[in-house]
Amino acid sequence: MHMDLSADDIAGVVGLFGGLTRAELGEALAELAFKRGEDHDPAAFAEDIDAAVRSYHLIAIDPDDASLDTDLLVVGPVAFPALPDGATDLPHILDIETRSVDREKAARAAETRLRADASAAVDAGNDERIEELLDVSYELEAWGNVDLGTTRDRLDAAGE
């Protein structure tokens, strides 16, 4: 049995810590599932985490912490973080320090990724992804104080 979490729930878990690696997030979600008596293999959440990244509920950034050799996932521009039942106990259960995240760095990472995703969607003629990315572009501009006008123009032109 697999715990059903929305991308906003996953973002809420990440928000509790400021930022988490994929492995740490998998551990946190597995802990929640264990508390609910459900499948608690951290690997079982990989697809949910990937989907939250794809939808911009989470943004992957290079960590400021040199002890981490992997990207840090932070709450992204489209997320409305929600705390799943039992999540407030996670900082007490998991041995993970709360991290402060440079919002500008997160915005730049999201902007770079959106531009790459937009190019890929336009090149592939993927109308559904183009529409999705148009919506994300507005959220990202408001969230991250970046200018995505030229990217949006390209998406608009391709989506017509």
N, C-alpha and C. Protein backbone atom coordinates (compact mmCIF):
# COMPACT_ATOMS: atom_id res chain seq x y z
N MET A 1 0.85 -1.18 0.00
CA MET A 1 0.00 0.00 0.00
C MET A 1 0.89 1.24 0.00
N HIS A 2 0.52 2.24 -0.76
CA HIS A 2 1.35 3.44 -0.92
C HIS A 2 0.58 4.66 -0.42
N MET A 3 1.22 5.41 0.43
CA MET A 3 0.61 6.61 0.99
C MET A 3 0.33 7.62 -0.12
N ASP A 4 -0.85 8.17 -0.11
CA ASP A 4 -1.25 9.12 -1.13
C ASP A 4 -0.96 10.54 -0.65
N LEU A 5 0.04 11.17 -1.25
CA LEU A 5 0.42 12.53 -0.89
C LEU A 5 0.34 13.42 -2.12
N SER A 6 -0.16 14.62 -1.94
CA SER A 6 -0.16 15.58 -3.04
C SER A 6 1.23 16.23 -3.12
N ALA A 7 1.48 16.90 -4.22
CA ALA A 7 2.74 17.63 -4.37
C ALA A 7 2.84 18.72 -3.30
N ASP A 8 1.70 19.30 -2.90
CA ASP A 8 1.71 20.31 -1.85
C ASP A 8 2.07 19.69 -0.50
N ASP A 9 1.64 18.45 -0.26
CA ASP A 9 2.02 17.75 0.97
C ASP A 9 3.54 17.53 0.99
N ILE A 10 4.07 17.10 -0.14
CA ILE A 10 5.51 16.85 -0.23
C ILE A 10 6.28 18.16 -0.02
N ALA A 11 5.78 19.24 -0.62
CA ALA A 11 6.41 20.55 -0.43
C ALA A 11 6.33 20.98 1.05
N GLY A 12 5.24 20.63 1.70
CA GLY A 12 5.10 20.96 3.12
C GLY A 12 6.16 20.27 3.97
N VAL A 13 6.45 19.01 3.65
CA VAL A 13 7.49 18.27 4.36
C VAL A 13 8.84 18.93 4.13
N VAL A 14 9.13 19.29 2.89
CA VAL A 14 10.40 19.95 2.58
C VAL A 14 10.48 21.29 3.32
N GLY A 15 9.37 22.02 3.33
CA GLY A 15 9.33 23.33 3.99
C GLY A 15 9.63 23.26 5.48
N LEU A 16 9.28 22.16 6.12
CA LEU A 16 9.58 21.98 7.55
C LEU A 16 11.07 22.09 7.83
N PHE A 17 11.87 21.66 6.86
CA PHE A 17 13.33 21.62 7.05
C PHE A 17 14.05 22.73 6.29
N GLY A 18 13.33 23.49 5.48
CA GLY A 18 13.96 24.52 4.65
C GLY A 18 14.41 23.94 3.32
N GLY A 19 14.98 22.76 3.35
CA GLY A 19 15.42 22.05 2.15
C GLY A 19 15.86 20.65 2.53
N LEU A 20 15.65 19.71 1.62
CA LEU A 20 16.04 18.31 1.85
C LEU A 20 16.65 17.74 0.58
N THR A 21 17.57 16.80 0.75
CA THR A 21 18.04 16.05 -0.41
C THR A 21 16.94 15.06 -0.78
N ARG A 22 17.04 14.47 -1.96
CA ARG A 22 16.05 13.45 -2.35
C ARG A 22 16.03 12.30 -1.34
N ALA A 23 17.22 11.88 -0.91
CA ALA A 23 17.30 10.76 0.03
C ALA A 23 16.63 11.13 1.36
N GLU A 24 16.90 12.34 1.85
CA GLU A 24 16.29 12.78 3.10
C GLU A 24 14.77 12.88 2.97
N LEU A 25 14.30 13.40 1.82
CA LEU A 25 12.86 13.51 1.61
C LEU A 25 12.23 12.12 1.54
N GLY A 26 12.88 11.20 0.86
CA GLY A 26 12.38 9.83 0.82
C GLY A 26 12.28 9.23 2.21
N GLU A 27 13.30 9.49 3.03
CA GLU A 27 13.31 9.03 4.43
C GLU A 27 12.14 9.65 5.21
N ALA A 28 11.94 10.94 5.04
CA ALA A 28 10.87 11.64 5.76
C ALA A 28 9.50 11.09 5.36
N LEU A 29 9.30 10.87 4.06
CA LEU A 29 8.01 10.34 3.59
C LEU A 29 7.82 8.90 4.06
N ALA A 30 8.91 8.14 4.09
CA ALA A 30 8.84 6.76 4.58
C ALA A 30 8.47 6.75 6.06
N GLU A 31 9.01 7.68 6.82
CA GLU A 31 8.69 7.79 8.25
C GLU A 31 7.21 8.09 8.44
N LEU A 32 6.69 9.02 7.63
CA LEU A 32 5.25 9.32 7.69
C LEU A 32 4.41 8.08 7.38
N ALA A 33 4.81 7.37 6.33
CA ALA A 33 4.08 6.17 5.93
C ALA A 33 4.14 5.11 7.04
N PHE A 34 5.31 4.96 7.64
CA PHE A 34 5.47 3.99 8.73
C PHE A 34 4.51 4.32 9.87
N LYS A 35 4.40 5.61 10.20
CA LYS A 35 3.51 6.03 11.28
C LYS A 35 2.05 5.71 10.94
N ARG A 36 1.76 5.62 9.65
CA ARG A 36 0.40 5.31 9.20
C ARG A 36 0.19 3.82 8.93
N GLY A 37 1.23 3.05 9.16
CA GLY A 37 1.13 1.61 8.93
C GLY A 37 1.12 1.23 7.46
N GLU A 38 1.77 2.06 6.64
CA GLU A 38 1.79 1.80 5.19
C GLU A 38 3.20 1.48 4.73
N ASP A 39 3.34 1.19 3.42
CA ASP A 39 4.64 0.89 2.82
C ASP A 39 5.61 2.00 3.17
N HIS A 40 6.73 1.61 3.77
CA HIS A 40 7.67 2.65 4.19
C HIS A 40 9.07 2.46 3.62
N ASP A 41 9.12 2.09 2.36
CA ASP A 41 10.39 2.02 1.65
C ASP A 41 10.62 3.40 1.02
N PRO A 42 11.71 4.09 1.40
CA PRO A 42 11.96 5.42 0.84
C PRO A 42 11.94 5.46 -0.70
N ALA A 43 12.39 4.38 -1.34
CA ALA A 43 12.41 4.33 -2.80
C ALA A 43 11.01 4.38 -3.40
N ALA A 44 10.02 3.99 -2.61
CA ALA A 44 8.63 3.97 -3.11
C ALA A 44 8.12 5.38 -3.41
N PHE A 45 8.82 6.39 -2.92
CA PHE A 45 8.35 7.77 -3.10
C PHE A 45 9.08 8.50 -4.23
N ALA A 46 9.99 7.81 -4.91
CA ALA A 46 10.79 8.45 -5.96
C ALA A 46 9.92 9.08 -7.05
N GLU A 47 8.88 8.37 -7.49
CA GLU A 47 8.01 8.92 -8.55
C GLU A 47 7.25 10.15 -8.07
N ASP A 48 6.77 10.11 -6.81
CA ASP A 48 6.06 11.27 -6.26
C ASP A 48 6.98 12.48 -6.18
N ILE A 49 8.22 12.25 -5.76
CA ILE A 49 9.20 13.34 -5.66
C ILE A 49 9.51 13.88 -7.05
N ASP A 50 9.74 12.97 -8.02
CA ASP A 50 10.00 13.40 -9.41
C ASP A 50 8.85 14.23 -9.95
N ALA A 51 7.62 13.80 -9.67
CA ALA A 51 6.44 14.54 -10.16
C ALA A 51 6.37 15.92 -9.53
N ALA A 52 6.72 16.04 -8.25
CA ALA A 52 6.70 17.34 -7.56
C ALA A 52 7.76 18.28 -8.13
N VAL A 53 8.90 17.71 -8.55
CA VAL A 53 9.95 18.52 -9.19
C VAL A 53 9.48 18.94 -10.58
N ARG A 54 8.93 17.99 -11.34
CA ARG A 54 8.46 18.28 -12.70
C ARG A 54 7.40 19.38 -12.71
N SER A 55 6.55 19.38 -11.69
CA SER A 55 5.45 20.36 -11.64
C SER A 55 5.85 21.68 -10.98
N TYR A 56 7.12 21.81 -10.58
CA TYR A 56 7.64 23.03 -9.95
C TYR A 56 7.10 23.24 -8.54
N HIS A 57 6.60 22.18 -7.91
CA HIS A 57 6.27 22.25 -6.48
C HIS A 57 7.57 22.22 -5.67
N LEU A 58 8.59 21.60 -6.26
CA LEU A 58 9.92 21.57 -5.66
C LEU A 58 10.93 22.03 -6.71
N ILE A 59 11.97 22.71 -6.23
CA ILE A 59 13.06 23.15 -7.09
C ILE A 59 14.35 22.54 -6.54
N ALA A 60 15.18 22.00 -7.43
CA ALA A 60 16.48 21.46 -7.03
C ALA A 60 17.53 22.54 -7.18
N ILE A 61 18.29 22.78 -6.12
CA ILE A 61 19.37 23.77 -6.17
C ILE A 61 20.67 23.13 -5.70
N ASP A 62 21.79 23.74 -6.10
CA ASP A 62 23.08 23.32 -5.57
C ASP A 62 23.11 23.72 -4.10
N PRO A 63 23.50 22.80 -3.24
CA PRO A 63 23.49 23.13 -1.81
C PRO A 63 24.64 24.08 -1.43
N ASP A 64 24.36 24.98 -0.50
CA ASP A 64 25.43 25.83 0.04
C ASP A 64 26.30 25.01 0.99
N ASP A 65 25.71 23.94 1.50
CA ASP A 65 26.37 23.06 2.45
C ASP A 65 27.32 22.13 1.71
N ALA A 66 28.61 22.34 1.89
CA ALA A 66 29.61 21.55 1.17
C ALA A 66 29.59 20.08 1.56
N SER A 67 28.97 19.75 2.69
CA SER A 67 28.93 18.35 3.11
C SER A 67 27.91 17.55 2.30
N LEU A 68 27.07 18.24 1.54
CA LEU A 68 26.09 17.54 0.70
C LEU A 68 26.65 17.40 -0.70
N ASP A 69 26.60 16.20 -1.24
CA ASP A 69 27.14 15.99 -2.58
C ASP A 69 26.01 15.82 -3.59
N THR A 70 24.84 16.35 -3.26
CA THR A 70 23.69 16.21 -4.13
C THR A 70 22.84 17.47 -4.05
N ASP A 71 21.96 17.63 -5.01
CA ASP A 71 21.08 18.79 -4.99
C ASP A 71 20.19 18.81 -3.76
N LEU A 72 19.81 20.01 -3.41
CA LEU A 72 18.87 20.22 -2.31
C LEU A 72 17.52 20.56 -2.92
N LEU A 73 16.47 19.92 -2.45
CA LEU A 73 15.12 20.24 -2.92
C LEU A 73 14.53 21.28 -1.99
N VAL A 74 13.97 22.33 -2.57
CA VAL A 74 13.33 23.39 -1.80
C VAL A 74 11.92 23.62 -2.34
N VAL A 75 11.09 24.28 -1.55
CA VAL A 75 9.72 24.55 -1.97
C VAL A 75 9.75 25.46 -3.20
N GLY A 76 8.97 25.09 -4.22
CA GLY A 76 8.98 25.80 -5.49
C GLY A 76 7.85 26.79 -5.64
N PRO A 77 7.80 27.45 -6.80
CA PRO A 77 6.89 28.57 -7.03
C PRO A 77 5.41 28.23 -7.11
N VAL A 78 5.05 27.01 -7.46
CA VAL A 78 3.62 26.70 -7.58
C VAL A 78 3.06 26.02 -6.34
N ALA A 79 3.92 25.77 -5.36
CA ALA A 79 3.49 25.02 -4.17
C ALA A 79 2.66 25.87 -3.21
N PHE A 80 1.67 25.23 -2.65
CA PHE A 80 0.95 25.74 -1.49
C PHE A 80 1.20 24.69 -0.41
N PRO A 81 2.36 24.79 0.27
CA PRO A 81 2.77 23.73 1.18
C PRO A 81 1.70 23.39 2.22
N ALA A 82 1.45 22.10 2.36
CA ALA A 82 0.49 21.59 3.34
C ALA A 82 1.22 20.56 4.19
N LEU A 83 0.85 20.48 5.45
CA LEU A 83 1.49 19.49 6.32
C LEU A 83 0.60 18.25 6.45
N PRO A 84 1.08 17.12 5.93
CA PRO A 84 0.31 15.89 6.09
C PRO A 84 0.25 15.51 7.58
N ASP A 85 -0.74 14.72 7.94
CA ASP A 85 -0.87 14.25 9.33
C ASP A 85 0.44 13.63 9.81
N GLY A 86 0.87 14.05 10.98
CA GLY A 86 2.08 13.49 11.57
C GLY A 86 3.36 14.17 11.16
N ALA A 87 3.30 15.08 10.19
CA ALA A 87 4.53 15.69 9.67
C ALA A 87 5.23 16.56 10.69
N THR A 88 4.49 17.17 11.58
CA THR A 88 5.13 18.08 12.55
C THR A 88 6.10 17.35 13.47
N ASP A 89 5.98 16.03 13.58
CA ASP A 89 6.92 15.24 14.40
C ASP A 89 8.24 14.96 13.67
N LEU A 90 8.26 15.12 12.37
CA LEU A 90 9.44 14.72 11.59
C LEU A 90 10.74 15.39 12.04
N PRO A 91 10.75 16.71 12.32
CA PRO A 91 12.02 17.30 12.76
C PRO A 91 12.56 16.68 14.06
N HIS A 92 11.68 16.11 14.88
CA HIS A 92 12.12 15.48 16.12
C HIS A 92 12.60 14.06 15.88
N ILE A 93 12.08 13.43 14.83
CA ILE A 93 12.39 12.02 14.55
C ILE A 93 13.65 11.90 13.69
N LEU A 94 13.76 12.74 12.68
CA LEU A 94 14.87 12.64 11.73
C LEU A 94 16.04 13.51 12.19
N ASP A 95 17.22 13.02 11.98
CA ASP A 95 18.42 13.76 12.39
C ASP A 95 18.87 14.66 11.23
N ILE A 96 18.04 15.66 10.93
CA ILE A 96 18.33 16.58 9.83
C ILE A 96 18.17 18.00 10.36
N GLU A 97 19.21 18.78 10.20
CA GLU A 97 19.16 20.18 10.63
C GLU A 97 18.24 20.98 9.72
N THR A 98 17.57 21.96 10.28
CA THR A 98 16.79 22.88 9.46
C THR A 98 17.78 23.74 8.67
N ARG A 99 17.49 23.95 7.41
CA ARG A 99 18.40 24.71 6.54
C ARG A 99 17.75 26.02 6.13
N SER A 100 18.58 27.04 6.01
CA SER A 100 18.06 28.27 5.43
C SER A 100 18.46 28.25 3.96
N VAL A 101 17.55 28.69 3.12
CA VAL A 101 17.77 28.60 1.68
C VAL A 101 17.78 30.00 1.09
N ASP A 102 18.74 30.25 0.24
CA ASP A 102 18.84 31.52 -0.46
C ASP A 102 17.74 31.57 -1.52
N ARG A 103 16.75 32.42 -1.30
CA ARG A 103 15.59 32.50 -2.18
C ARG A 103 15.99 32.92 -3.60
N GLU A 104 16.97 33.82 -3.71
CA GLU A 104 17.42 34.24 -5.05
C GLU A 104 18.06 33.07 -5.80
N LYS A 105 18.83 32.27 -5.08
CA LYS A 105 19.46 31.11 -5.70
C LYS A 105 18.39 30.13 -6.19
N ALA A 106 17.36 29.94 -5.38
CA ALA A 106 16.26 29.05 -5.77
C ALA A 106 15.53 29.60 -7.00
N ALA A 107 15.33 30.92 -7.03
CA ALA A 107 14.65 31.55 -8.17
C ALA A 107 15.48 31.40 -9.44
N ARG A 108 16.79 31.59 -9.33
CA ARG A 108 17.66 31.44 -10.50
C ARG A 108 17.65 30.00 -11.00
N ALA A 109 17.67 29.05 -10.09
CA ALA A 109 17.63 27.63 -10.48
C ALA A 109 16.31 27.32 -11.18
N ALA A 110 15.22 27.85 -10.64
CA ALA A 110 13.90 27.61 -11.25
C ALA A 110 13.82 28.26 -12.63
N GLU A 111 14.37 29.47 -12.74
CA GLU A 111 14.36 30.18 -14.02
C GLU A 111 15.14 29.40 -15.08
N THR A 112 16.33 28.95 -14.72
CA THR A 112 17.17 28.17 -15.65
C THR A 112 16.44 26.92 -16.09
N ARG A 113 15.82 26.23 -15.13
CA ARG A 113 15.11 25.01 -15.46
C ARG A 113 13.89 25.28 -16.33
N LEU A 114 13.17 26.35 -16.03
CA LEU A 114 11.98 26.67 -16.82
C LEU A 114 12.37 26.97 -18.27
N ARG A 115 13.45 27.72 -18.45
CA ARG A 115 13.90 28.02 -19.82
C ARG A 115 14.25 26.73 -20.58
N ALA A 116 14.93 25.81 -19.91
CA ALA A 116 15.29 24.53 -20.54
C ALA A 116 14.04 23.70 -20.82
N ASP A 117 13.13 23.64 -19.86
CA ASP A 117 11.88 22.89 -20.05
C ASP A 117 11.06 23.49 -21.18
N ALA A 118 11.03 24.82 -21.27
CA ALA A 118 10.27 25.50 -22.33
C ALA A 118 10.85 25.14 -23.69
N SER A 119 12.17 25.18 -23.81
CA SER A 119 12.81 24.82 -25.09
C SER A 119 12.47 23.39 -25.48
N ALA A 120 12.54 22.48 -24.51
CA ALA A 120 12.24 21.07 -24.79
C ALA A 120 10.78 20.90 -25.20
N ALA A 121 9.88 21.59 -24.52
CA ALA A 121 8.44 21.46 -24.84
C ALA A 121 8.14 22.02 -26.22
N VAL A 122 8.76 23.16 -26.55
CA VAL A 122 8.54 23.77 -27.86
C VAL A 122 9.12 22.87 -28.95
N ASP A 123 10.35 22.39 -28.73
CA ASP A 123 11.00 21.50 -29.72
C ASP A 123 10.19 20.23 -29.95
N ALA A 124 9.56 19.72 -28.88
CA ALA A 124 8.78 18.49 -28.98
C ALA A 124 7.35 18.74 -29.45
N GLY A 125 6.95 20.02 -29.50
CA GLY A 125 5.58 20.34 -29.89
C GLY A 125 4.57 19.82 -28.86
N ASN A 126 4.97 19.78 -27.60
CA ASN A 126 4.13 19.24 -26.52
C ASN A 126 3.22 20.35 -25.99
N ASP A 127 2.02 20.45 -26.59
CA ASP A 127 1.10 21.54 -26.24
C ASP A 127 0.68 21.53 -24.77
N GLU A 128 0.48 20.34 -24.23
CA GLU A 128 0.06 20.24 -22.82
C GLU A 128 1.15 20.80 -21.90
N ARG A 129 2.40 20.42 -22.16
CA ARG A 129 3.51 20.90 -21.32
C ARG A 129 3.72 22.40 -21.55
N ILE A 130 3.54 22.88 -22.78
CA ILE A 130 3.67 24.31 -23.07
C ILE A 130 2.67 25.10 -22.21
N GLU A 131 1.42 24.65 -22.17
CA GLU A 131 0.39 25.33 -21.35
C GLU A 131 0.77 25.31 -19.87
N GLU A 132 1.23 24.16 -19.42
CA GLU A 132 1.65 24.00 -18.03
C GLU A 132 2.77 24.99 -17.70
N LEU A 133 3.76 25.07 -18.58
CA LEU A 133 4.91 25.94 -18.34
C LEU A 133 4.54 27.41 -18.42
N LEU A 134 3.58 27.76 -19.26
CA LEU A 134 3.09 29.14 -19.29
C LEU A 134 2.54 29.52 -17.92
N ASP A 135 1.72 28.64 -17.35
CA ASP A 135 1.18 28.90 -16.01
C ASP A 135 2.30 29.03 -14.98
N VAL A 136 3.26 28.13 -15.05
CA VAL A 136 4.38 28.16 -14.10
C VAL A 136 5.16 29.46 -14.25
N SER A 137 5.31 29.95 -15.47
CA SER A 137 6.11 31.16 -15.69
C SER A 137 5.55 32.36 -14.92
N TYR A 138 4.23 32.48 -14.87
CA TYR A 138 3.62 33.58 -14.11
C TYR A 138 3.86 33.41 -12.62
N GLU A 139 3.69 32.18 -12.14
CA GLU A 139 3.92 31.89 -10.71
C GLU A 139 5.38 32.18 -10.34
N LEU A 140 6.28 31.75 -11.22
CA LEU A 140 7.71 31.92 -10.95
C LEU A 140 8.10 33.39 -10.93
N GLU A 141 7.57 34.18 -11.84
CA GLU A 141 7.89 35.61 -11.83
C GLU A 141 7.45 36.27 -10.53
N ALA A 142 6.27 35.94 -10.06
CA ALA A 142 5.77 36.52 -8.81
C ALA A 142 6.57 36.01 -7.62
N TRP A 143 6.93 34.74 -7.65
CA TRP A 143 7.63 34.09 -6.54
C TRP A 143 9.10 34.48 -6.47
N GLY A 144 9.73 34.58 -7.65
CA GLY A 144 11.18 34.68 -7.66
C GLY A 144 11.75 35.97 -8.20
N ASN A 145 10.88 36.91 -8.55
CA ASN A 145 11.37 38.19 -9.05
C ASN A 145 12.32 37.99 -10.23
N VAL A 146 11.88 37.21 -11.22
CA VAL A 146 12.64 36.99 -12.45
C VAL A 146 11.77 37.43 -13.63
N ASP A 147 12.40 37.69 -14.75
CA ASP A 147 11.68 38.11 -15.95
C ASP A 147 11.70 36.98 -16.96
N LEU A 148 10.53 36.44 -17.24
CA LEU A 148 10.42 35.33 -18.18
C LEU A 148 9.64 35.71 -19.43
N GLY A 149 9.60 37.01 -19.72
CA GLY A 149 8.83 37.50 -20.86
C GLY A 149 9.20 36.85 -22.18
N THR A 150 10.50 36.76 -22.47
CA THR A 150 10.91 36.19 -23.76
C THR A 150 10.59 34.69 -23.81
N THR A 151 10.76 34.01 -22.69
CA THR A 151 10.43 32.58 -22.64
C THR A 151 8.92 32.41 -22.85
N ARG A 152 8.12 33.27 -22.20
CA ARG A 152 6.68 33.18 -22.33
C ARG A 152 6.25 33.48 -23.77
N ASP A 153 6.90 34.45 -24.40
CA ASP A 153 6.59 34.75 -25.81
C ASP A 153 6.84 33.53 -26.69
N ARG A 154 7.93 32.84 -26.42
CA ARG A 154 8.27 31.65 -27.21
C ARG A 154 7.23 30.55 -26.97
N LEU A 155 6.83 30.38 -25.71
CA LEU A 155 5.80 29.38 -25.38
C LEU A 155 4.47 29.76 -26.03
N ASP A 156 4.11 31.03 -25.93
CA ASP A 156 2.85 31.50 -26.53
C ASP A 156 2.83 31.23 -28.03
N ALA A 157 3.93 31.58 -28.70
CA ALA A 157 4.01 31.40 -30.15
C ALA A 157 3.90 29.93 -30.53
N ALA A 158 4.51 29.07 -29.73
CA ALA A 158 4.49 27.64 -30.02
C ALA A 158 3.13 27.02 -29.70
N GLY A 159 2.44 27.61 -28.72
CA GLY A 159 1.16 27.04 -28.30
C GLY A 159 -0.02 27.45 -29.15
N GLU A 160 0.22 28.38 -30.08
CA GLU A 160 -0.90 28.86 -30.91
C GLU A 160 -1.22 27.91 -32.04
